[in-house]
């Protein structure tokens, strides 16, 4: 298995509808294994093949505390209800958005052995991930579903937070030294 690099917003492969998988074979299962490894390495709950530069209709889903699985040629066959959610994407790092997703989602697909499966989810992270990843194979990113640019929030980089914490610690230490010197401590 190989961890493959994630493609980012601006890469044309993310904007094209992916090609339908015609045959499920060992090479496809190796790709699914790479996708799963890449998703886990990136700490995601889902990954679509276009996100690693492969224009095929394949997604992997890995819910917390569950075994990851693949969906080949996923199609949303039913959705209902609406809910507002906070969402991010491995291909749009450093941002989160507030958007509308369905409450209930049913997806039809093939598993990694070529058998037809249906996945139903309601009002949970899985329903959100099914819509999000199916959007990817259709060339749609979550930022396309925002009502306005105001619904997109830039996150503070963990490096910036670490630098700020370190600067605060240095200031606190300097202040402690100054107070100790003023009180006549050695």
Protein backbone atom coordinates (compact mmCIF):
# COMPACT_ATOMS: atom_id res chain seq x y z
CA UNK A 1 0.00 0.00 0.00
CA UNK A 2 1.14 3.49 -0.78
CA UNK A 3 0.14 6.83 0.70
CA UNK A 4 -0.58 9.06 -2.26
CA UNK A 5 -0.50 12.86 -2.17
CA UNK A 6 -3.81 14.67 -1.88
CA UNK A 7 -4.74 17.03 -4.73
CA UNK A 8 -5.88 20.52 -3.73
CA UNK A 9 -8.49 23.00 -4.90
CA UNK A 10 -7.29 24.38 -8.22
CA UNK A 11 -6.23 20.97 -9.58
CA UNK A 12 -8.39 20.30 -12.68
CA UNK A 13 -8.91 16.61 -11.79
CA UNK A 14 -11.12 17.72 -8.88
CA UNK A 15 -13.48 19.58 -11.21
CA UNK A 16 -14.11 16.85 -13.80
CA UNK A 17 -16.77 14.17 -13.38
CA UNK A 18 -14.84 10.93 -12.88
CA UNK A 19 -15.10 7.95 -15.22
CA UNK A 20 -17.31 5.00 -14.40
CA UNK A 21 -15.46 1.85 -13.34
CA UNK A 22 -16.13 -0.89 -15.90
CA UNK A 23 -14.33 -3.81 -14.24
CA UNK A 24 -13.48 -4.61 -10.63
CA UNK A 25 -10.14 -6.42 -10.51
CA UNK A 26 -6.94 -6.71 -8.46
CA UNK A 27 -5.47 -3.45 -9.80
CA UNK A 28 -8.62 -1.64 -8.65
CA UNK A 29 -8.38 -3.29 -5.23
CA UNK A 30 -4.73 -2.10 -4.98
CA UNK A 31 -5.94 1.43 -5.77
CA UNK A 32 -8.61 1.09 -3.05
CA UNK A 33 -5.93 -0.06 -0.58
CA UNK A 34 -3.81 3.00 -1.49
CA UNK A 35 -6.83 5.26 -1.12
CA UNK A 36 -7.64 3.80 2.29
CA UNK A 37 -4.04 4.21 3.45
CA UNK A 38 -3.99 7.80 2.11
CA UNK A 39 -7.28 8.65 3.86
CA UNK A 40 -6.02 7.27 7.17
CA UNK A 41 -2.68 9.08 6.85
CA UNK A 42 -4.52 12.36 6.18
CA UNK A 43 -6.90 11.73 9.11
CA UNK A 44 -9.97 11.90 6.90
CA UNK A 45 -13.30 10.06 7.10
CA UNK A 46 -13.59 9.78 3.34
CA UNK A 47 -11.56 10.09 0.18
CA UNK A 48 -12.50 10.03 -3.50
CA UNK A 49 -10.16 8.80 -6.23
CA UNK A 50 -9.96 12.25 -7.90
CA UNK A 51 -8.46 13.56 -4.65
CA UNK A 52 -5.36 11.47 -5.37
CA UNK A 53 -5.38 12.34 -9.08
CA UNK A 54 -7.27 9.27 -10.36
CA UNK A 55 -10.36 10.13 -12.37
CA UNK A 56 -12.43 7.07 -11.43
CA UNK A 57 -15.75 6.85 -9.58
CA UNK A 58 -14.38 5.30 -6.39
CA UNK A 59 -14.67 6.50 -2.80
CA UNK A 60 -13.50 5.09 0.49
CA UNK A 61 -15.30 5.78 3.75
CA UNK A 62 -13.76 5.32 7.19
CA UNK A 63 -16.07 6.20 10.07
CA UNK A 64 -14.46 6.44 13.52
CA UNK A 65 -14.18 3.00 15.19
CA UNK A 66 -15.33 1.19 12.03
CA UNK A 67 -13.51 -0.71 9.31
CA UNK A 68 -13.06 1.43 6.15
CA UNK A 69 -14.83 0.31 2.99
CA UNK A 70 -14.98 1.25 -0.68
CA UNK A 71 -17.88 2.30 -2.86
CA UNK A 72 -17.42 1.94 -6.61
CA UNK A 73 -19.63 3.98 -8.96
CA UNK A 74 -21.62 5.46 -6.06
CA UNK A 75 -24.95 7.06 -6.91
CA UNK A 76 -27.26 8.78 -4.45
CA UNK A 77 -30.62 7.14 -5.11
CA UNK A 78 -32.56 8.84 -2.32
CA UNK A 79 -32.12 11.85 -0.10
CA UNK A 80 -34.49 13.76 2.12
CA UNK A 81 -34.56 16.49 4.73
CA UNK A 82 -32.14 19.36 5.21
CA UNK A 83 -29.70 20.27 7.93
CA UNK A 84 -26.95 22.86 8.30
CA UNK A 85 -23.48 21.45 8.91
CA UNK A 86 -19.91 22.53 9.38
CA UNK A 87 -17.77 20.76 6.78
CA UNK A 88 -14.17 20.57 5.68
CA UNK A 89 -12.25 18.72 3.00
CA UNK A 90 -8.78 17.24 2.61
CA UNK A 91 -8.57 19.01 -0.77
CA UNK A 92 -9.36 22.42 0.77
CA UNK A 93 -7.05 22.46 3.80
CA UNK A 94 -7.24 25.29 6.30
CA UNK A 95 -10.92 26.07 5.69
CA UNK A 96 -14.34 24.97 6.96
CA UNK A 97 -17.71 25.88 5.58
CA UNK A 98 -21.31 25.98 6.76
CA UNK A 99 -23.62 24.36 4.23
CA UNK A 100 -26.83 22.43 3.79
CA UNK A 101 -26.76 18.63 3.51
CA UNK A 102 -29.49 16.01 3.56
CA UNK A 103 -30.74 14.37 6.74
CA UNK A 104 -31.24 10.96 5.09
CA UNK A 105 -29.14 9.55 2.26
CA UNK A 106 -29.19 6.24 0.40
CA UNK A 107 -26.30 5.35 -1.91
CA UNK A 108 -26.15 2.49 -4.38
CA UNK A 109 -22.69 1.26 -5.44
CA UNK A 110 -20.48 -1.77 -5.93
CA UNK A 111 -18.18 -3.05 -3.21
CA UNK A 112 -14.54 -4.00 -3.87
CA UNK A 113 -15.66 -7.47 -5.01
CA UNK A 114 -18.09 -6.09 -7.60
CA UNK A 115 -21.23 -6.86 -5.58
CA UNK A 116 -24.03 -4.28 -5.45
CA UNK A 117 -24.51 -2.63 -2.07
CA UNK A 118 -26.85 -0.01 -0.67
CA UNK A 119 -25.78 2.19 2.21
CA UNK A 120 -28.40 4.10 4.19
CA UNK A 121 -27.52 6.83 6.65
CA UNK A 122 -29.60 9.26 8.66
CA UNK A 123 -28.67 12.46 10.47
CA UNK A 124 -25.03 11.53 11.10
CA UNK A 125 -21.47 11.87 9.88
CA UNK A 126 -21.96 8.95 7.46
CA UNK A 127 -24.82 10.71 5.65
CA UNK A 128 -22.63 13.80 5.31
CA UNK A 129 -19.62 11.78 4.10
CA UNK A 130 -21.70 9.88 1.52
CA UNK A 131 -22.92 13.14 -0.01
CA UNK A 132 -19.51 14.81 0.22
CA UNK A 133 -17.58 11.95 -1.41
CA UNK A 134 -20.23 11.34 -4.09
CA UNK A 135 -19.97 15.04 -4.93
CA UNK A 136 -16.21 14.57 -5.46
CA UNK A 137 -16.68 11.91 -8.15
CA UNK A 138 -19.12 14.31 -9.83
CA UNK A 139 -16.53 17.12 -9.90
CA UNK A 140 -18.19 19.10 -7.08
CA UNK A 141 -16.44 20.44 -3.97
CA UNK A 142 -18.18 21.46 -0.77
CA UNK A 143 -17.24 25.10 -1.40
CA UNK A 144 -19.56 24.96 -4.44
CA UNK A 145 -22.48 24.28 -2.09
CA UNK A 146 -21.95 27.31 0.17
CA UNK A 147 -24.71 29.92 0.11
CA UNK A 148 -22.14 32.71 0.15
CA UNK A 149 -18.47 33.39 0.71
CA UNK A 150 -19.35 34.41 4.27
CA UNK A 151 -20.06 30.73 4.99
CA UNK A 152 -16.37 29.85 4.46
CA UNK A 153 -14.12 30.19 7.50
CA UNK A 154 -10.33 30.23 7.34
CA UNK A 155 -8.92 28.15 10.16
CA UNK A 156 -5.90 29.19 12.11
CA UNK A 157 -2.93 27.11 11.13
CA UNK A 158 -1.70 24.77 13.86
CA UNK A 159 1.77 26.19 13.26
CA UNK A 160 0.53 29.73 13.86
CA UNK A 161 -1.16 28.59 17.08
CA UNK A 162 2.04 26.87 18.22
CA UNK A 163 4.11 29.99 17.44
CA UNK A 164 1.60 32.13 19.36
CA UNK A 165 1.69 29.76 22.35
CA UNK A 166 5.50 29.76 22.34
CA UNK A 167 5.58 33.57 22.16
CA UNK A 168 3.12 33.72 25.08
CA UNK A 169 5.28 31.33 27.10
CA UNK A 170 8.38 33.43 26.39
CA UNK A 171 6.53 36.61 27.47
CA UNK A 172 5.29 34.92 30.66
CA UNK A 173 8.82 33.71 31.47
CA UNK A 174 10.27 37.17 30.82
CA UNK A 175 7.57 38.73 33.02
CA UNK A 176 8.32 36.22 35.80
CA UNK A 177 12.03 37.04 35.59
CA UNK A 178 11.28 40.78 35.74
CA UNK A 179 9.01 40.35 38.80
CA UNK A 180 11.63 38.18 40.52
CA UNK A 181 14.35 40.77 39.83
CA UNK A 182 12.12 43.58 41.11
CA UNK A 183 11.46 41.62 44.31
CA UNK A 184 15.18 41.06 44.77
CA UNK A 185 15.16 37.32 44.09
CA UNK A 186 18.37 35.83 42.65
